[in-house]
Amino acid sequence: VVARMQAGHALVMPHGGPRIRTRMDALAAAAGAL
């Protein structure tokens, strides 16, 4: 789930396994997120 709280703030809610979190971190970094 993606919840867009405000234009400049969103919550991203995948499953909570450690491997998924690591891969999501990599996706976010590749997308330019600091």
ModelCIF file with pLDDT and N, C-alpha, C, O atoms, coordinates in Angstrom:
data_MODEL
#
_entry.id   MODEL 
#
_entity.id                         1 
_entity.type                       polymer 
_entity.pdbx_number_of_molecules   1 
#
_entity_poly.entity_id                      1 
_entity_poly.type                           'polypeptide(L)' 
_entity_poly.nstd_linkage                   no 
_entity_poly.nstd_monomer                   no 
_entity_poly.pdbx_seq_one_letter_code       VVARMQAGHALVMPHGGPRIRTRMDALAAAAGAL 
_entity_poly.pdbx_seq_one_letter_code_can   VVARMQAGHALVMPHGGPRIRTRMDALAAAAGAL 
_entity_poly.pdbx_strand_id                 A 
#
loop_
_entity_poly_seq.entity_id 
_entity_poly_seq.num 
_entity_poly_seq.mon_id 
_entity_poly_seq.hetero 
1 1  VAL n 
1 2  VAL n 
1 3  ALA n 
1 4  ARG n 
1 5  MET n 
1 6  GLN n 
1 7  ALA n 
1 8  GLY n 
1 9  HIS n 
1 10 ALA n 
1 11 LEU n 
1 12 VAL n 
1 13 MET n 
1 14 PRO n 
1 15 HIS n 
1 16 GLY n 
1 17 GLY n 
1 18 PRO n 
1 19 ARG n 
1 20 ILE n 
1 21 ARG n 
1 22 THR n 
1 23 ARG n 
1 24 MET n 
1 25 ASP n 
1 26 ALA n 
1 27 LEU n 
1 28 ALA n 
1 29 ALA n 
1 30 ALA n 
1 31 ALA n 
1 32 GLY n 
1 33 ALA n 
1 34 LEU n 
#
_struct_asym.id          A 
_struct_asym.entity_id   1 
#
loop_
_ma_qa_metric.id 
_ma_qa_metric.mode 
_ma_qa_metric.name 
_ma_qa_metric.software_group_id 
_ma_qa_metric.type 
1 global pLDDT . pLDDT 
2 local  pLDDT . pLDDT 
#
_ma_qa_metric_global.metric_id      1 
_ma_qa_metric_global.metric_value   93.12 
_ma_qa_metric_global.model_id       1 
_ma_qa_metric_global.ordinal_id     1 
#
loop_
_ma_qa_metric_local.label_asym_id 
_ma_qa_metric_local.label_comp_id 
_ma_qa_metric_local.label_seq_id 
_ma_qa_metric_local.metric_id 
_ma_qa_metric_local.metric_value 
_ma_qa_metric_local.model_id 
_ma_qa_metric_local.ordinal_id 
A VAL 1  2 96.00 1 1  
A VAL 2  2 96.00 1 2  
A ALA 3  2 96.00 1 3  
A ARG 4  2 94.00 1 4  
A MET 5  2 87.00 1 5  
A GLN 6  2 89.00 1 6  
A ALA 7  2 90.00 1 7  
A GLY 8  2 90.00 1 8  
A HIS 9  2 92.00 1 9  
A ALA 10 2 94.00 1 10 
A LEU 11 2 95.00 1 11 
A VAL 12 2 97.00 1 12 
A MET 13 2 96.00 1 13 
A PRO 14 2 96.00 1 14 
A HIS 15 2 95.00 1 15 
A GLY 16 2 91.00 1 16 
A GLY 17 2 91.00 1 17 
A PRO 18 2 91.00 1 18 
A ARG 19 2 93.00 1 19 
A ILE 20 2 94.00 1 20 
A ARG 21 2 94.00 1 21 
A THR 22 2 93.00 1 22 
A ARG 23 2 94.00 1 23 
A MET 24 2 95.00 1 24 
A ASP 25 2 94.00 1 25 
A ALA 26 2 94.00 1 26 
A LEU 27 2 94.00 1 27 
A ALA 28 2 94.00 1 28 
A ALA 29 2 93.00 1 29 
A ALA 30 2 92.00 1 30 
A ALA 31 2 92.00 1 31 
A GLY 32 2 91.00 1 32 
A ALA 33 2 93.00 1 33 
A LEU 34 2 90.00 1 34 
#
loop_
_atom_site.group_PDB 
_atom_site.id 
_atom_site.type_symbol 
_atom_site.label_atom_id 
_atom_site.label_alt_id 
_atom_site.label_comp_id 
_atom_site.label_asym_id 
_atom_site.label_entity_id 
_atom_site.label_seq_id 
_atom_site.pdbx_PDB_ins_code 
_atom_site.Cartn_x 
_atom_site.Cartn_y 
_atom_site.Cartn_z 
_atom_site.occupancy 
_atom_site.B_iso_or_equiv 
_atom_site.pdbx_formal_charge 
_atom_site.auth_seq_id 
_atom_site.auth_comp_id 
_atom_site.auth_asym_id 
_atom_site.auth_atom_id 
_atom_site.pdbx_PDB_model_num 
ATOM 1   N N  . VAL A 1 1  ? 0.831  -1.190 0.000  1.00 96.00 ? 1  VAL A N  1 
ATOM 2   C CA . VAL A 1 1  ? 0.000  0.000  0.000  1.00 96.00 ? 1  VAL A CA 1 
ATOM 3   C C  . VAL A 1 1  ? 0.873  1.251  0.000  1.00 96.00 ? 1  VAL A C  1 
ATOM 4   O O  . VAL A 1 1  ? 1.907  1.305  0.666  1.00 96.00 ? 1  VAL A O  1 
ATOM 5   N N  . VAL A 1 2  ? 0.439  2.250  -0.757 1.00 96.00 ? 2  VAL A N  1 
ATOM 6   C CA . VAL A 1 2  ? 1.049  3.574  -0.727 1.00 96.00 ? 2  VAL A CA 1 
ATOM 7   C C  . VAL A 1 2  ? -0.030 4.541  -0.253 1.00 96.00 ? 2  VAL A C  1 
ATOM 8   O O  . VAL A 1 2  ? -1.092 4.647  -0.868 1.00 96.00 ? 2  VAL A O  1 
ATOM 9   N N  . ALA A 1 3  ? 0.244  5.239  0.835  1.00 96.00 ? 3  ALA A N  1 
ATOM 10  C CA . ALA A 1 3  ? -0.673 6.251  1.355  1.00 96.00 ? 3  ALA A CA 1 
ATOM 11  C C  . ALA A 1 3  ? 0.005  7.607  1.190  1.00 96.00 ? 3  ALA A C  1 
ATOM 12  O O  . ALA A 1 3  ? 1.047  7.862  1.793  1.00 96.00 ? 3  ALA A O  1 
ATOM 13  N N  . ARG A 1 4  ? -0.573 8.453  0.392  1.00 94.00 ? 4  ARG A N  1 
ATOM 14  C CA . ARG A 1 4  ? -0.011 9.788  0.154  1.00 94.00 ? 4  ARG A CA 1 
ATOM 15  C C  . ARG A 1 4  ? -0.641 10.715 1.180  1.00 94.00 ? 4  ARG A C  1 
ATOM 16  O O  . ARG A 1 4  ? -1.770 11.171 1.000  1.00 94.00 ? 4  ARG A O  1 
ATOM 17  N N  . MET A 1 5  ? 0.076  10.993 2.241  1.00 87.00 ? 5  MET A N  1 
ATOM 18  C CA . MET A 1 5  ? -0.444 11.789 3.338  1.00 87.00 ? 5  MET A CA 1 
ATOM 19  C C  . MET A 1 5  ? -0.647 13.249 2.922  1.00 87.00 ? 5  MET A C  1 
ATOM 20  O O  . MET A 1 5  ? -1.693 13.842 3.182  1.00 87.00 ? 5  MET A O  1 
ATOM 21  N N  . GLN A 1 6  ? 0.356  13.804 2.283  1.00 89.00 ? 6  GLN A N  1 
ATOM 22  C CA . GLN A 1 6  ? 0.343  15.167 1.744  1.00 89.00 ? 6  GLN A CA 1 
ATOM 23  C C  . GLN A 1 6  ? 1.119  15.101 0.442  1.00 89.00 ? 6  GLN A C  1 
ATOM 24  O O  . GLN A 1 6  ? 1.682  14.061 0.100  1.00 89.00 ? 6  GLN A O  1 
ATOM 25  N N  . ALA A 1 7  ? 1.151  16.193 -0.273 1.00 90.00 ? 7  ALA A N  1 
ATOM 26  C CA . ALA A 1 7  ? 1.875  16.191 -1.543 1.00 90.00 ? 7  ALA A CA 1 
ATOM 27  C C  . ALA A 1 7  ? 3.343  15.816 -1.351 1.00 90.00 ? 7  ALA A C  1 
ATOM 28  O O  . ALA A 1 7  ? 3.923  15.150 -2.208 1.00 90.00 ? 7  ALA A O  1 
ATOM 29  N N  . GLY A 1 8  ? 3.953  16.233 -0.239 1.00 90.00 ? 8  GLY A N  1 
ATOM 30  C CA . GLY A 1 8  ? 5.366  15.969 0.003  1.00 90.00 ? 8  GLY A CA 1 
ATOM 31  C C  . GLY A 1 8  ? 5.649  14.861 0.991  1.00 90.00 ? 8  GLY A C  1 
ATOM 32  O O  . GLY A 1 8  ? 6.763  14.772 1.508  1.00 90.00 ? 8  GLY A O  1 
ATOM 33  N N  . HIS A 1 9  ? 4.660  14.000 1.275  1.00 92.00 ? 9  HIS A N  1 
ATOM 34  C CA . HIS A 1 9  ? 4.857  12.939 2.267  1.00 92.00 ? 9  HIS A CA 1 
ATOM 35  C C  . HIS A 1 9  ? 3.991  11.724 1.928  1.00 92.00 ? 9  HIS A C  1 
ATOM 36  O O  . HIS A 1 9  ? 2.785  11.846 1.713  1.00 92.00 ? 9  HIS A O  1 
ATOM 37  N N  . ALA A 1 10 ? 4.621  10.560 1.884  1.00 94.00 ? 10 ALA A N  1 
ATOM 38  C CA . ALA A 1 10 ? 3.893  9.327  1.606  1.00 94.00 ? 10 ALA A CA 1 
ATOM 39  C C  . ALA A 1 10 ? 4.382  8.225  2.536  1.00 94.00 ? 10 ALA A C  1 
ATOM 40  O O  . ALA A 1 10 ? 5.529  8.232  2.985  1.00 94.00 ? 10 ALA A O  1 
ATOM 41  N N  . LEU A 1 11 ? 3.495  7.283  2.816  1.00 95.00 ? 11 LEU A N  1 
ATOM 42  C CA . LEU A 1 11 ? 3.849  6.070  3.542  1.00 95.00 ? 11 LEU A CA 1 
ATOM 43  C C  . LEU A 1 11 ? 3.838  4.933  2.535  1.00 95.00 ? 11 LEU A C  1 
ATOM 44  O O  . LEU A 1 11 ? 2.897  4.796  1.754  1.00 95.00 ? 11 LEU A O  1 
ATOM 45  N N  . VAL A 1 12 ? 4.886  4.119  2.554  1.00 97.00 ? 12 VAL A N  1 
ATOM 46  C CA . VAL A 1 12 ? 5.003  2.965  1.659  1.00 97.00 ? 12 VAL A CA 1 
ATOM 47  C C  . VAL A 1 12 ? 4.997  1.734  2.554  1.00 97.00 ? 12 VAL A C  1 
ATOM 48  O O  . VAL A 1 12 ? 5.841  1.608  3.441  1.00 97.00 ? 12 VAL A O  1 
ATOM 49  N N  . MET A 1 13 ? 4.041  0.813  2.324  1.00 96.00 ? 13 MET A N  1 
ATOM 50  C CA . MET A 1 13 ? 3.845  -0.302 3.234  1.00 96.00 ? 13 MET A CA 1 
ATOM 51  C C  . MET A 1 13 ? 3.909  -1.656 2.535  1.00 96.00 ? 13 MET A C  1 
ATOM 52  O O  . MET A 1 13 ? 2.878  -2.201 2.140  1.00 96.00 ? 13 MET A O  1 
ATOM 53  N N  . PRO A 1 14 ? 5.113  -2.201 2.379  1.00 96.00 ? 14 PRO A N  1 
ATOM 54  C CA . PRO A 1 14 ? 5.267  -3.564 1.852  1.00 96.00 ? 14 PRO A CA 1 
ATOM 55  C C  . PRO A 1 14 ? 5.175  -4.557 3.013  1.00 96.00 ? 14 PRO A C  1 
ATOM 56  O O  . PRO A 1 14 ? 4.928  -4.174 4.156  1.00 96.00 ? 14 PRO A O  1 
ATOM 57  N N  . HIS A 1 15 ? 5.378  -5.824 2.701  1.00 95.00 ? 15 HIS A N  1 
ATOM 58  C CA . HIS A 1 15 ? 5.494  -6.816 3.764  1.00 95.00 ? 15 HIS A CA 1 
ATOM 59  C C  . HIS A 1 15 ? 6.761  -6.532 4.565  1.00 95.00 ? 15 HIS A C  1 
ATOM 60  O O  . HIS A 1 15 ? 7.674  -5.873 4.066  1.00 95.00 ? 15 HIS A O  1 
ATOM 61  N N  . GLY A 1 16 ? 6.824  -7.025 5.806  1.00 91.00 ? 16 GLY A N  1 
ATOM 62  C CA . GLY A 1 16 ? 7.879  -6.609 6.718  1.00 91.00 ? 16 GLY A CA 1 
ATOM 63  C C  . GLY A 1 16 ? 9.060  -7.532 6.870  1.00 91.00 ? 16 GLY A C  1 
ATOM 64  O O  . GLY A 1 16 ? 9.772  -7.434 7.869  1.00 91.00 ? 16 GLY A O  1 
ATOM 65  N N  . GLY A 1 17 ? 9.306  -8.426 5.928  1.00 91.00 ? 17 GLY A N  1 
ATOM 66  C CA . GLY A 1 17 ? 10.471 -9.298 6.025  1.00 91.00 ? 17 GLY A CA 1 
ATOM 67  C C  . GLY A 1 17 ? 11.765 -8.538 5.798  1.00 91.00 ? 17 GLY A C  1 
ATOM 68  O O  . GLY A 1 17 ? 11.784 -7.568 5.041  1.00 91.00 ? 17 GLY A O  1 
ATOM 69  N N  . PRO A 1 18 ? 12.848 -8.962 6.441  1.00 91.00 ? 18 PRO A N  1 
ATOM 70  C CA . PRO A 1 18 ? 14.111 -8.234 6.298  1.00 91.00 ? 18 PRO A CA 1 
ATOM 71  C C  . PRO A 1 18 ? 14.619 -8.162 4.858  1.00 91.00 ? 18 PRO A C  1 
ATOM 72  O O  . PRO A 1 18 ? 15.163 -7.135 4.450  1.00 91.00 ? 18 PRO A O  1 
ATOM 73  N N  . ARG A 1 19 ? 14.454 -9.216 4.097  1.00 93.00 ? 19 ARG A N  1 
ATOM 74  C CA . ARG A 1 19 ? 14.939 -9.211 2.709  1.00 93.00 ? 19 ARG A CA 1 
ATOM 75  C C  . ARG A 1 19 ? 14.137 -8.226 1.866  1.00 93.00 ? 19 ARG A C  1 
ATOM 76  O O  . ARG A 1 19 ? 14.699 -7.521 1.028  1.00 93.00 ? 19 ARG A O  1 
ATOM 77  N N  . ILE A 1 20 ? 12.827 -8.176 2.085  1.00 94.00 ? 20 ILE A N  1 
ATOM 78  C CA . ILE A 1 20 ? 12.002 -7.226 1.340  1.00 94.00 ? 20 ILE A CA 1 
ATOM 79  C C  . ILE A 1 20 ? 12.416 -5.801 1.683  1.00 94.00 ? 20 ILE A C  1 
ATOM 80  O O  . ILE A 1 20 ? 12.516 -4.952 0.797  1.00 94.00 ? 20 ILE A O  1 
ATOM 81  N N  . ARG A 1 21 ? 12.658 -5.534 2.968  1.00 94.00 ? 21 ARG A N  1 
ATOM 82  C CA . ARG A 1 21 ? 13.065 -4.186 3.368  1.00 94.00 ? 21 ARG A CA 1 
ATOM 83  C C  . ARG A 1 21 ? 14.399 -3.802 2.719  1.00 94.00 ? 21 ARG A C  1 
ATOM 84  O O  . ARG A 1 21 ? 14.567 -2.674 2.254  1.00 94.00 ? 21 ARG A O  1 
ATOM 85  N N  . THR A 1 22 ? 15.338 -4.740 2.690  1.00 93.00 ? 22 THR A N  1 
ATOM 86  C CA . THR A 1 22 ? 16.632 -4.467 2.069  1.00 93.00 ? 22 THR A CA 1 
ATOM 87  C C  . THR A 1 22 ? 16.459 -4.153 0.585  1.00 93.00 ? 22 THR A C  1 
ATOM 88  O O  . THR A 1 22 ? 17.073 -3.223 0.063  1.00 93.00 ? 22 THR A O  1 
ATOM 89  N N  . ARG A 1 23 ? 15.626 -4.929 -0.082 1.00 94.00 ? 23 ARG A N  1 
ATOM 90  C CA . ARG A 1 23 ? 15.404 -4.711 -1.514 1.00 94.00 ? 23 ARG A CA 1 
ATOM 91  C C  . ARG A 1 23 ? 14.633 -3.415 -1.766 1.00 94.00 ? 23 ARG A C  1 
ATOM 92  O O  . ARG A 1 23 ? 14.872 -2.741 -2.768 1.00 94.00 ? 23 ARG A O  1 
ATOM 93  N N  . MET A 1 24 ? 13.712 -3.062 -0.872 1.00 95.00 ? 24 MET A N  1 
ATOM 94  C CA . MET A 1 24 ? 12.995 -1.792 -1.006 1.00 95.00 ? 24 MET A CA 1 
ATOM 95  C C  . MET A 1 24 ? 13.939 -0.614 -0.803 1.00 95.00 ? 24 MET A C  1 
ATOM 96  O O  . MET A 1 24 ? 13.824 0.404  -1.485 1.00 95.00 ? 24 MET A O  1 
ATOM 97  N N  . ASP A 1 25 ? 14.878 -0.755 0.144  1.00 94.00 ? 25 ASP A N  1 
ATOM 98  C CA . ASP A 1 25 ? 15.888 0.293  0.335  1.00 94.00 ? 25 ASP A CA 1 
ATOM 99  C C  . ASP A 1 25 ? 16.680 0.507  -0.955 1.00 94.00 ? 25 ASP A C  1 
ATOM 100 O O  . ASP A 1 25 ? 16.942 1.639  -1.360 1.00 94.00 ? 25 ASP A O  1 
ATOM 101 N N  . ALA A 1 26 ? 17.051 -0.600 -1.585 1.00 94.00 ? 26 ALA A N  1 
ATOM 102 C CA . ALA A 1 26 ? 17.810 -0.507 -2.836 1.00 94.00 ? 26 ALA A CA 1 
ATOM 103 C C  . ALA A 1 26 ? 16.980 0.152  -3.935 1.00 94.00 ? 26 ALA A C  1 
ATOM 104 O O  . ALA A 1 26 ? 17.499 0.972  -4.692 1.00 94.00 ? 26 ALA A O  1 
ATOM 105 N N  . LEU A 1 27 ? 15.690 -0.199 -4.031 1.00 94.00 ? 27 LEU A N  1 
ATOM 106 C CA . LEU A 1 27 ? 14.820 0.432  -5.026 1.00 94.00 ? 27 LEU A CA 1 
ATOM 107 C C  . LEU A 1 27 ? 14.703 1.931  -4.774 1.00 94.00 ? 27 LEU A C  1 
ATOM 108 O O  . LEU A 1 27 ? 14.789 2.731  -5.706 1.00 94.00 ? 27 LEU A O  1 
ATOM 109 N N  . ALA A 1 28 ? 14.507 2.306  -3.521 1.00 94.00 ? 28 ALA A N  1 
ATOM 110 C CA . ALA A 1 28 ? 14.362 3.721  -3.178 1.00 94.00 ? 28 ALA A CA 1 
ATOM 111 C C  . ALA A 1 28 ? 15.653 4.482  -3.509 1.00 94.00 ? 28 ALA A C  1 
ATOM 112 O O  . ALA A 1 28 ? 15.609 5.584  -4.056 1.00 94.00 ? 28 ALA A O  1 
ATOM 113 N N  . ALA A 1 29 ? 16.797 3.886  -3.173 1.00 93.00 ? 29 ALA A N  1 
ATOM 114 C CA . ALA A 1 29 ? 18.078 4.537  -3.476 1.00 93.00 ? 29 ALA A CA 1 
ATOM 115 C C  . ALA A 1 29 ? 18.263 4.679  -4.983 1.00 93.00 ? 29 ALA A C  1 
ATOM 116 O O  . ALA A 1 29 ? 18.709 5.724  -5.458 1.00 93.00 ? 29 ALA A O  1 
ATOM 117 N N  . ALA A 1 30 ? 17.926 3.641  -5.734 1.00 92.00 ? 30 ALA A N  1 
ATOM 118 C CA . ALA A 1 30 ? 18.048 3.705  -7.186 1.00 92.00 ? 30 ALA A CA 1 
ATOM 119 C C  . ALA A 1 30 ? 17.116 4.761  -7.778 1.00 92.00 ? 30 ALA A C  1 
ATOM 120 O O  . ALA A 1 30 ? 17.391 5.320  -8.840 1.00 92.00 ? 30 ALA A O  1 
ATOM 121 N N  . ALA A 1 31 ? 16.005 5.029  -7.077 1.00 92.00 ? 31 ALA A N  1 
ATOM 122 C CA . ALA A 1 31 ? 15.060 6.049  -7.532 1.00 92.00 ? 31 ALA A CA 1 
ATOM 123 C C  . ALA A 1 31 ? 15.492 7.449  -7.120 1.00 92.00 ? 31 ALA A C  1 
ATOM 124 O O  . ALA A 1 31 ? 14.832 8.432  -7.458 1.00 92.00 ? 31 ALA A O  1 
ATOM 125 N N  . GLY A 1 32 ? 16.606 7.541  -6.385 1.00 91.00 ? 32 GLY A N  1 
ATOM 126 C CA . GLY A 1 32 ? 17.128 8.845  -5.999 1.00 91.00 ? 32 GLY A CA 1 
ATOM 127 C C  . GLY A 1 32 ? 16.764 9.296  -4.604 1.00 91.00 ? 32 GLY A C  1 
ATOM 128 O O  . GLY A 1 32 ? 17.079 10.424 -4.225 1.00 91.00 ? 32 GLY A O  1 
ATOM 129 N N  . ALA A 1 33 ? 16.108 8.446  -3.826 1.00 93.00 ? 33 ALA A N  1 
ATOM 130 C CA . ALA A 1 33 ? 15.761 8.826  -2.453 1.00 93.00 ? 33 ALA A CA 1 
ATOM 131 C C  . ALA A 1 33 ? 17.008 8.824  -1.579 1.00 93.00 ? 33 ALA A C  1 
ATOM 132 O O  . ALA A 1 33 ? 17.841 7.923  -1.674 1.00 93.00 ? 33 ALA A O  1 
ATOM 133 N N  . LEU A 1 34 ? 17.128 9.820  -0.744 1.00 90.00 ? 34 LEU A N  1 
ATOM 134 C CA . LEU A 1 34 ? 18.234 9.909  0.197  1.00 90.00 ? 34 LEU A CA 1 
ATOM 135 C C  . LEU A 1 34 ? 17.876 9.136  1.457  1.00 90.00 ? 34 LEU A C  1 
ATOM 136 O O  . LEU A 1 34 ? 18.674 9.077  2.393  1.00 90.00 ? 34 LEU A O  1 
#
